[in-house]
C-alpha atoms as a PDB file:
ATOM      1  CA  MET A   1     125.829  85.997  95.743  1.00  0.00           C
ATOM      2  CA  LEU A   2     123.006  87.634  97.685  1.00  0.00           C
ATOM      3  CA  ARG A   3     124.208  90.452  99.955  1.00  0.00           C
ATOM      4  CA  ILE A   4     121.970  92.066 102.577  1.00  0.00           C
ATOM      5  CA  THR A   5     122.445  95.240 104.611  1.00  0.00           C
ATOM      6  CA  ASP A   6     122.544  94.204 108.271  1.00  0.00           C
ATOM      7  CA  ALA A   7     120.364  96.675 110.180  1.00  0.00           C
ATOM      8  CA  ARG A   8     122.547  96.264 113.274  1.00  0.00           C
ATOM      9  CA  THR A   9     125.680  97.608 111.608  1.00  0.00           C
ATOM     10  CA  GLY A  10     124.554  99.203 108.350  1.00  0.00           C
ATOM     11  CA  GLU A  11     127.116  97.040 106.566  1.00  0.00           C
ATOM     12  CA  PRO A  12     126.460  94.530 103.747  1.00  0.00           C
ATOM     13  CA  VAL A  13     126.828  90.864 104.684  1.00  0.00           C
ATOM     14  CA  ASP A  14     126.446  87.587 102.810  1.00  0.00           C
ATOM     15  CA  ALA A  15     122.925  86.205 103.148  1.00  0.00           C
ATOM     16  CA  VAL A  16     124.157  82.927 101.664  1.00  0.00           C
ATOM     17  CA  PRO A  17     126.325  80.640 103.803  1.00  0.00           C
ATOM     18  CA  ALA A  18     129.597  79.628 102.213  1.00  0.00           C
ATOM     19  CA  ARG A  19     128.547  76.017 101.713  1.00  0.00           C
ATOM     20  CA  ARG A  20     124.916  76.874 100.830  1.00  0.00           C
ATOM     21  CA  GLY A  21     123.584  75.101 103.889  1.00  0.00           C
ATOM     22  CA  LEU A  22     120.099  75.584 105.268  1.00  0.00           C
ATOM     23  CA  THR A  23     119.247  79.241 105.909  1.00  0.00           C
ATOM     24  CA  ARG A  24     116.533  80.141 108.418  1.00  0.00           C
ATOM     25  CA  VAL A  25     114.521  83.217 107.472  1.00  0.00           C
ATOM     26  CA  GLU A  26     112.590  84.341 110.537  1.00  0.00           C
ATOM     27  CA  ALA A  27     109.940  87.062 110.298  1.00  0.00           C
ATOM     28  CA  HIS A  28     109.219  88.885 113.571  1.00  0.00           C
ATOM     29  CA  VAL A  29     105.813  90.548 113.881  1.00  0.00           C
ATOM     30  CA  PRO A  30     103.902  91.476 117.063  1.00  0.00           C
ATOM     31  CA  GLY A  31     100.442  91.106 115.529  1.00  0.00           C
ATOM     32  CA  TYR A  32      98.349  91.546 112.407  1.00  0.00           C
ATOM     33  CA  ASP A  33      98.390  94.808 110.441  1.00  0.00           C
ATOM     34  CA  SER A  34      99.621  96.081 107.074  1.00  0.00           C
ATOM     35  CA  SER A  35     103.156  96.679 108.409  1.00  0.00           C
ATOM     36  CA  ALA A  36     103.318  93.073 109.608  1.00  0.00           C
ATOM     37  CA  LEU A  37     102.291  91.877 106.155  1.00  0.00           C
ATOM     38  CA  ARG A  38     105.082  93.965 104.616  1.00  0.00           C
ATOM     39  CA  ILE A  39     107.584  92.260 106.931  1.00  0.00           C
ATOM     40  CA  LEU A  40     106.269  88.872 105.816  1.00  0.00           C
ATOM     41  CA  LEU A  41     106.451  89.974 102.179  1.00  0.00           C
ATOM     42  CA  VAL A  42     110.112  90.977 102.514  1.00  0.00           C
ATOM     43  CA  ALA A  43     110.835  87.644 104.206  1.00  0.00           C
ATOM     44  CA  ASP A  44     109.054  85.912 101.323  1.00  0.00           C
ATOM     45  CA  LEU A  45     111.208  87.783  98.772  1.00  0.00           C
ATOM     46  CA  LEU A  46     114.347  86.879 100.684  1.00  0.00           C
ATOM     47  CA  ALA A  47     113.390  83.209 100.742  1.00  0.00           C
ATOM     48  CA  ARG A  48     112.559  83.265  97.011  1.00  0.00           C
ATOM     49  CA  ALA A  49     115.882  84.930  96.141  1.00  0.00           C
ATOM     50  CA  LEU A  50     117.815  82.387  98.192  1.00  0.00           C
ATOM     51  CA  GLU A  51     115.997  79.456  96.615  1.00  0.00           C
ATOM     52  CA  ILE A  52     116.524  80.790  93.081  1.00  0.00           C
ATOM     53  CA  GLY A  53     120.219  80.790  93.920  1.00  0.00           C
ATOM     54  CA  GLY A  54     120.077  77.181  95.125  1.00  0.00           C
ATOM     55  CA  THR A  55     120.067  77.772  98.897  1.00  0.00           C
ATOM     56  CA  PRO A  56     117.570  75.723 100.962  1.00  0.00           C
ATOM     57  CA  VAL A  57     115.368  77.869 103.205  1.00  0.00           C
ATOM     58  CA  TRP A  58     113.394  77.314 106.398  1.00  0.00           C
ATOM     59  CA  ALA A  59     110.796  80.089 106.822  1.00  0.00           C
ATOM     60  CA  LEU A  60     109.506  80.843 110.325  1.00  0.00           C
ATOM     61  CA  LEU A  61     107.002  83.299 111.778  1.00  0.00           C
ATOM     62  CA  THR A  62     107.593  84.703 115.252  1.00  0.00           C
ATOM     63  CA  GLY A  63     104.527  86.537 116.533  1.00  0.00           C
ATOM     64  CA  ASP A  64     102.787  87.191 119.828  1.00  0.00           C
ATOM     65  CA  ARG A  65      99.179  87.164 118.685  1.00  0.00           C
ATOM     66  CA  GLU A  66      96.758  86.954 115.736  1.00  0.00           C
ATOM     67  CA  GLN A  67      98.641  84.086 114.123  1.00  0.00           C
ATOM     68  CA  ALA A  68      95.607  82.890 112.181  1.00  0.00           C
ATOM     69  CA  GLU A  69      95.023  86.369 110.740  1.00  0.00           C
ATOM     70  CA  LEU A  70      98.694  86.680 109.806  1.00  0.00           C
ATOM     71  CA  HIS A  71      98.713  83.345 107.995  1.00  0.00           C
ATOM     72  CA  ALA A  72      95.468  84.163 106.160  1.00  0.00           C
ATOM     73  CA  GLY A  73      96.635  87.639 105.181  1.00  0.00           C
ATOM     74  CA  ALA A  74      99.960  86.306 103.968  1.00  0.00           C
ATOM     75  CA  ALA A  75      98.301  83.591 101.880  1.00  0.00           C
ATOM     76  CA  ALA A  76      96.022  86.164 100.249  1.00  0.00           C
ATOM     77  CA  LEU A  77      99.092  88.178  99.168  1.00  0.00           C
ATOM     78  CA  GLY A  78     100.794  85.114  97.680  1.00  0.00           C
ATOM     79  CA  ILE A  79     103.340  84.886 100.497  1.00  0.00           C
ATOM     80  CA  ARG A  80     104.871  81.460 101.075  1.00  0.00           C
ATOM     81  CA  PRO A  81     103.644  79.511 104.130  1.00  0.00           C
ATOM     82  CA  PHE A  82     105.627  80.200 107.295  1.00  0.00           C
ATOM     83  CA  GLU A  83     105.851  77.805 110.200  1.00  0.00           C
ATOM     84  CA  ASP A  84     105.004  79.190 113.621  1.00  0.00           C
ATOM     85  CA  ARG A  85     108.195  79.563 115.657  1.00  0.00           C
ATOM     86  CA  ARG A  86     106.487  78.414 118.860  1.00  0.00           C
ATOM     87  CA  ASP A  87     105.556  75.083 117.249  1.00  0.00           C
ATOM     88  CA  VAL A  88     109.081  74.026 116.252  1.00  0.00           C
ATOM     89  CA  GLY A  89     112.330  73.331 118.031  1.00  0.00           C
ATOM     90  CA  PRO A  90     115.867  74.444 117.218  1.00  0.00           C
ATOM     91  CA  GLY A  91     116.914  74.131 113.604  1.00  0.00           C
ATOM     92  CA  TRP A  92     118.963  71.116 112.624  1.00  0.00           C
ATOM     93  CA  GLY A  93     121.833  71.683 110.237  1.00  0.00           C
ATOM     94  CA  GLU A  94     121.112  75.380 109.644  1.00  0.00           C
ATOM     95  CA  SER A  95     124.201  77.419 108.861  1.00  0.00           C
ATOM     96  CA  GLN A  96     122.693  80.909 108.671  1.00  0.00           C
ATOM     97  CA  VAL A  97     119.861  82.856 110.332  1.00  0.00           C
ATOM     98  CA  VAL A  98     118.372  86.067 108.934  1.00  0.00           C
ATOM     99  CA  HIS A  99     115.818  87.985 111.010  1.00  0.00           C
ATOM    100  CA  VAL A 100     113.307  90.214 109.189  1.00  0.00           C
ATOM    101  CA  VAL A 101     112.038  92.881 111.583  1.00  0.00           C
ATOM    102  CA  ALA A 102     110.273  96.218 111.818  1.00  0.00           C
ATOM    103  CA  GLU A 103     112.557  99.252 111.849  1.00  0.00           C
ATOM    104  CA  GLY A 104     113.879  99.569 115.386  1.00  0.00           C
ATOM    105  CA  GLY A 105     112.658  96.096 116.300  1.00  0.00           C
ATOM    106  CA  ALA A 106     114.711  94.104 118.805  1.00  0.00           C
ATOM    107  CA  VAL A 107     115.387  90.447 118.008  1.00  0.00           C
ATOM    108  CA  PRO A 108     118.004  87.829 118.919  1.00  0.00           C
ATOM    109  CA  ASP A 109     121.533  88.176 117.611  1.00  0.00           C
ATOM    110  CA  GLY A 110     121.950  87.565 113.908  1.00  0.00           C
ATOM    111  CA  ILE A 111     121.616  89.344 110.597  1.00  0.00           C
ATOM    112  CA  ARG A 112     118.686  91.754 110.686  1.00  0.00           C
ATOM    113  CA  VAL A 113     116.735  93.025 107.699  1.00  0.00           C
ATOM    114  CA  ALA A 114     114.746  96.122 108.702  1.00  0.00           C
ATOM    115  CA  VAL A 115     111.416  96.998 107.067  1.00  0.00           C
ATOM    116  CA  ALA A 116     109.741 100.423 107.206  1.00  0.00           C
ATOM    117  CA  PRO A 117     106.089 100.743 108.279  1.00  0.00           C
ATOM    118  CA  VAL A 118     102.902 100.968 106.227  1.00  0.00           C
ATOM    119  CA  GLU A 119     100.032 103.417 106.676  1.00  0.00           C
ATOM    120  CA  PRO A 120      97.169 102.999 107.270  1.00  0.00           C
ATOM    121  CA  PRO A 121      97.470  99.928 109.526  1.00  0.00           C
ATOM    122  CA  ASP A 122      94.407  98.302 107.946  1.00  0.00           C
ATOM    123  CA  LEU A 123      94.430  97.158 104.333  1.00  0.00           C
ATOM    124  CA  PRO A 124      91.946  99.048 102.136  1.00  0.00           C
ATOM    125  CA  GLU A 125      88.663  97.172 102.098  1.00  0.00           C
ATOM    126  CA  GLY A 126      88.171  95.104  98.949  1.00  0.00           C
ATOM    127  CA  ALA A 127      91.690  95.785  97.628  1.00  0.00           C
ATOM    128  CA  ASP A 128      93.001  93.272  95.103  1.00  0.00           C
ATOM    129  CA  PRO A 129      95.786  91.257  96.793  1.00  0.00           C
ATOM    130  CA  ALA A 130      98.095  91.419  93.758  1.00  0.00           C
ATOM    131  CA  GLU A 131      97.739  95.198  93.653  1.00  0.00           C
ATOM    132  CA  VAL A 132      98.561  95.390  97.366  1.00  0.00           C
ATOM    133  CA  ARG A 133     101.596  93.155  96.841  1.00  0.00           C
ATOM    134  CA  LEU A 134     102.949  95.313  94.007  1.00  0.00           C
ATOM    135  CA  ALA A 135     102.235  98.547  95.897  1.00  0.00           C
ATOM    136  CA  LEU A 136     104.248  97.202  98.835  1.00  0.00           C
ATOM    137  CA  LEU A 137     107.060  96.018  96.544  1.00  0.00           C
ATOM    138  CA  THR A 138     107.486  99.255  94.609  1.00  0.00           C
ATOM    139  CA  PRO A 139     109.288 101.479  97.174  1.00  0.00           C
ATOM    140  CA  PRO A 140     112.580 100.426  98.781  1.00  0.00           C
ATOM    141  CA  ARG A 141     111.895  98.445 101.950  1.00  0.00           C
ATOM    142  CA  CYS A 142     113.527 101.192 104.050  1.00  0.00           C
ATOM    143  CA  THR A 143     110.931 103.705 102.797  1.00  0.00           C
ATOM    144  CA  PRO A 144     107.544 103.973 104.556  1.00  0.00           C
ATOM    145  CA  VAL A 145     104.588 103.076 102.365  1.00  0.00           C
ATOM    146  CA  GLN A 146     101.348 105.032 102.083  1.00  0.00           C
ATOM    147  CA  LEU A 147      98.937 102.338 100.939  1.00  0.00           C
ATOM    148  CA  ASP A 148      96.265 104.645  99.567  1.00  0.00           C
ATOM    149  CA  GLU A 149      94.083 104.617  96.477  1.00  0.00           C
ATOM    150  CA  ALA A 150      96.735 106.392  94.401  1.00  0.00           C
ATOM    151  CA  ALA A 151      99.320 103.679  95.150  1.00  0.00           C
ATOM    152  CA  LEU A 152      96.812 100.915  94.447  1.00  0.00           C
ATOM    153  CA  ALA A 153      95.662 102.578  91.206  1.00  0.00           C
ATOM    154  CA  GLU A 154      99.255 102.789  89.976  1.00  0.00           C
ATOM    155  CA  ALA A 155      99.807  99.120  90.848  1.00  0.00           C
ATOM    156  CA  ARG A 156      96.532  98.188  89.132  1.00  0.00           C
ATOM    157  CA  GLY A 157      97.547  99.917  85.913  1.00  0.00           C
ATOM    158  CA  THR A 158     100.989  98.308  85.915  1.00  0.00           C
ATOM    159  CA  LEU A 159      99.596  94.823  86.476  1.00  0.00           C
ATOM    160  CA  GLN A 160      97.011  95.231  83.736  1.00  0.00           C
ATOM    161  CA  ARG A 161      99.612  96.407  81.227  1.00  0.00           C
ATOM    162  CA  TRP A 162     102.145  93.747  82.101  1.00  0.00           C
ATOM    163  CA  ARG A 163      99.701  90.837  82.189  1.00  0.00           C
ATOM    164  CA  ARG A 164      98.175  91.894  78.865  1.00  0.00           C
ATOM    165  CA  ALA A 165     101.624  92.227  77.305  1.00  0.00           C
ATOM    166  CA  VAL A 166     102.849  88.892  78.692  1.00  0.00           C
ATOM    167  CA  ALA A 167      99.778  87.133  77.306  1.00  0.00           C
ATOM    168  CA  ALA A 168     100.416  88.666  73.865  1.00  0.00           C
ATOM    169  CA  TRP A 169     104.155  87.855  73.890  1.00  0.00           C
ATOM    170  CA  ALA A 170     103.368  84.233  74.795  1.00  0.00           C
ATOM    171  CA  ARG A 171     101.751  83.776  71.368  1.00  0.00           C
ATOM    172  CA  GLN A 172     105.160  84.199  69.715  1.00  0.00           C
ATOM    173  CA  PRO A 173     107.996  81.632  69.582  1.00  0.00           C
ATOM    174  CA  SER A 174     109.831  81.403  72.877  1.00  0.00           C
ATOM    175  CA  ARG A 175     113.320  82.875  73.118  1.00  0.00           C
ATOM    176  CA  PRO A 176     115.746  82.568  76.037  1.00  0.00           C
ATOM    177  CA  VAL A 177     116.180  85.388  78.511  1.00  0.00           C
ATOM    178  CA  PRO A 178     119.131  87.414  77.168  1.00  0.00           C
ATOM    179  CA  GLU A 179     122.135  86.857  79.424  1.00  0.00           C
ATOM    180  CA  LYS A 180     122.648  90.603  79.815  1.00  0.00           C
ATOM    181  CA  VAL A 181     119.085  91.012  81.047  1.00  0.00           C
ATOM    182  CA  ARG A 182     119.272  87.959  83.305  1.00  0.00           C
ATOM    183  CA  GLY A 183     122.469  89.390  84.756  1.00  0.00           C
ATOM    184  CA  ARG A 184     120.831  92.759  85.439  1.00  0.00           C
ATOM    185  CA  LEU A 185     117.908  91.112  87.221  1.00  0.00           C
ATOM    186  CA  ARG A 186     120.119  88.871  89.343  1.00  0.00           C
ATOM    187  CA  ALA A 187     122.473  91.746  90.140  1.00  0.00           C
ATOM    188  CA  ALA A 188     119.494  93.801  91.328  1.00  0.00           C
ATOM    189  CA  TRP A 189     117.936  91.306  93.696  1.00  0.00           C
ATOM    190  CA  GLU A 190     121.301  90.036  94.924  1.00  0.00           C
ATOM    191  CA  ASP A 191     122.213  93.634  95.833  1.00  0.00           C
ATOM    192  CA  ASP A 192     120.260  93.975  99.088  1.00  0.00           C
ATOM    193  CA  LEU A 193     117.001  92.737  97.504  1.00  0.00           C
ATOM    194  CA  ASP A 194     116.726  95.800  95.271  1.00  0.00           C
ATOM    195  CA  VAL A 195     113.214  95.090  94.021  1.00  0.00           C
ATOM    196  CA  PRO A 196     112.656  98.633  92.692  1.00  0.00           C
ATOM    197  CA  GLU A 197     115.576  98.027  90.309  1.00  0.00           C
ATOM    198  CA  VAL A 198     114.062  94.694  89.243  1.00  0.00           C
ATOM    199  CA  LEU A 199     110.868  96.571  88.362  1.00  0.00           C
ATOM    200  CA  ARG A 200     112.875  99.169  86.414  1.00  0.00           C
ATOM    201  CA  VAL A 201     114.554  96.419  84.406  1.00  0.00           C
ATOM    202  CA  LEU A 202     111.146  94.953  83.551  1.00  0.00           C
ATOM    203  CA  ARG A 203     109.886  98.339  82.392  1.00  0.00           C
ATOM    204  CA  TRP A 204     112.945  98.677  80.157  1.00  0.00           C
ATOM    205  CA  VAL A 205     112.447  95.179  78.734  1.00  0.00           C
ATOM    206  CA  GLY A 206     108.772  95.877  78.075  1.00  0.00           C
ATOM    207  CA  GLU A 207     109.654  98.953  76.001  1.00  0.00           C
ATOM    208  CA  SER A 208     112.689  97.398  74.274  1.00  0.00           C
ATOM    209  CA  ASP A 209     113.021  95.878  70.819  1.00  0.00           C
ATOM    210  CA  LEU A 210     113.897  92.434  72.215  1.00  0.00           C
ATOM    211  CA  PRO A 211     112.006  89.568  70.548  1.00  0.00           C
ATOM    212  CA  GLU A 212     108.591  89.123  72.110  1.00  0.00           C
ATOM    213  CA  GLY A 213     109.391  85.553  73.098  1.00  0.00           C
ATOM    214  CA  ALA A 214     112.430  86.787  75.045  1.00  0.00           C
ATOM    215  CA  ARG A 215     110.353  89.459  76.749  1.00  0.00           C
ATOM    216  CA  PHE A 216     107.850  86.806  77.807  1.00  0.00           C
ATOM    217  CA  GLU A 217     110.548  84.569  79.288  1.00  0.00           C
ATOM    218  CA  THR A 218     112.138  87.554  81.059  1.00  0.00           C
ATOM    219  CA  TYR A 219     108.900  88.494  82.800  1.00  0.00           C
ATOM    220  CA  ALA A 220     108.198  84.872  83.725  1.00  0.00           C
ATOM    221  CA  TYR A 221     111.719  84.553  85.146  1.00  0.00           C
ATOM    222  CA  ALA A 222     111.481  87.741  87.223  1.00  0.00           C
ATOM    223  CA  ASP A 223     108.081  86.672  88.518  1.00  0.00           C
ATOM    224  CA  ARG A 224     109.743  83.762  90.324  1.00  0.00           C
ATOM    225  CA  LEU A 225     110.921  86.475  92.701  1.00  0.00           C
ATOM    226  CA  LEU A 226     108.072  88.967  92.477  1.00  0.00           C
ATOM    227  CA  GLY A 227     105.156  86.530  92.763  1.00  0.00           C
ATOM    228  CA  LEU A 228     102.752  88.808  90.860  1.00  0.00           C
ATOM    229  CA  GLU A 229     101.174  86.123  88.628  1.00  0.00           C
ATOM    230  CA  LEU A 230     102.298  87.961  85.504  1.00  0.00           C
ATOM    231  CA  THR A 231     101.467  84.926  83.342  1.00  0.00           C
ATOM    232  CA  ARG A 232      97.938  84.644  84.749  1.00  0.00           C
ATOM    233  CA  ASP A 233      96.179  85.775  81.552  1.00  0.00           C
ATOM    234  CA  LEU A 234      97.869  83.345  79.157  1.00  0.00           C
ATOM    235  CA  GLY A 235      95.294  82.005  76.721  1.00  0.00           C
ATOM    236  CA  SER A 236      92.915  84.920  77.238  1.00  0.00           C
ATOM    237  CA  PRO A 237      91.352  86.466  74.116  1.00  0.00           C
ATOM    238  CA  ALA A 238      93.536  89.175  72.548  1.00  0.00           C
END
């Protein structure tokens, strides 16, 4: 079961209602910048993790300005569409609300997931969206991110290696994700959305002696959470 650290109390709480009813994930951003996109990305991960576990999700965006820019920036980073909070009424049948906010941000009562800021406030011009997404995913969400060329270069190298490997593994007979590995991945993201641990598990799998078909299925499974298009190069020349 997914557990999240509530920024109000510092204590872990269940992000999943007992009866798996509708959960509202509400991202709170004042306007468009790289820190706002990181908040939306964390909300996207939370929604993905809940849905993988079978919990229905209603994703909302609460912002004061630059809504069009926020929606466009989110779409470029592969973030799920969010409805604008001002355009909808109270939720019907929801049994849980989780607010995703900037560190120190004030929001209505409810579980709060705090996200550290990003510098610089503007995304690097011409940066590949997948590289930006991975660079934002790599540190823990409570750690500020320096989105500079070094971080993007590291993300670029990782994506190139993983996509090339996934495309090669896909040429071999498929094998199921080993239950031990599946358990490690689920345990990571259900433990306060520990994405850095998910990435560590993938690195271990990539260097392991597991059958190539199992490595392929493992990366494809984890990408349901990560949203990095790791299977994008399937069918490309070796």
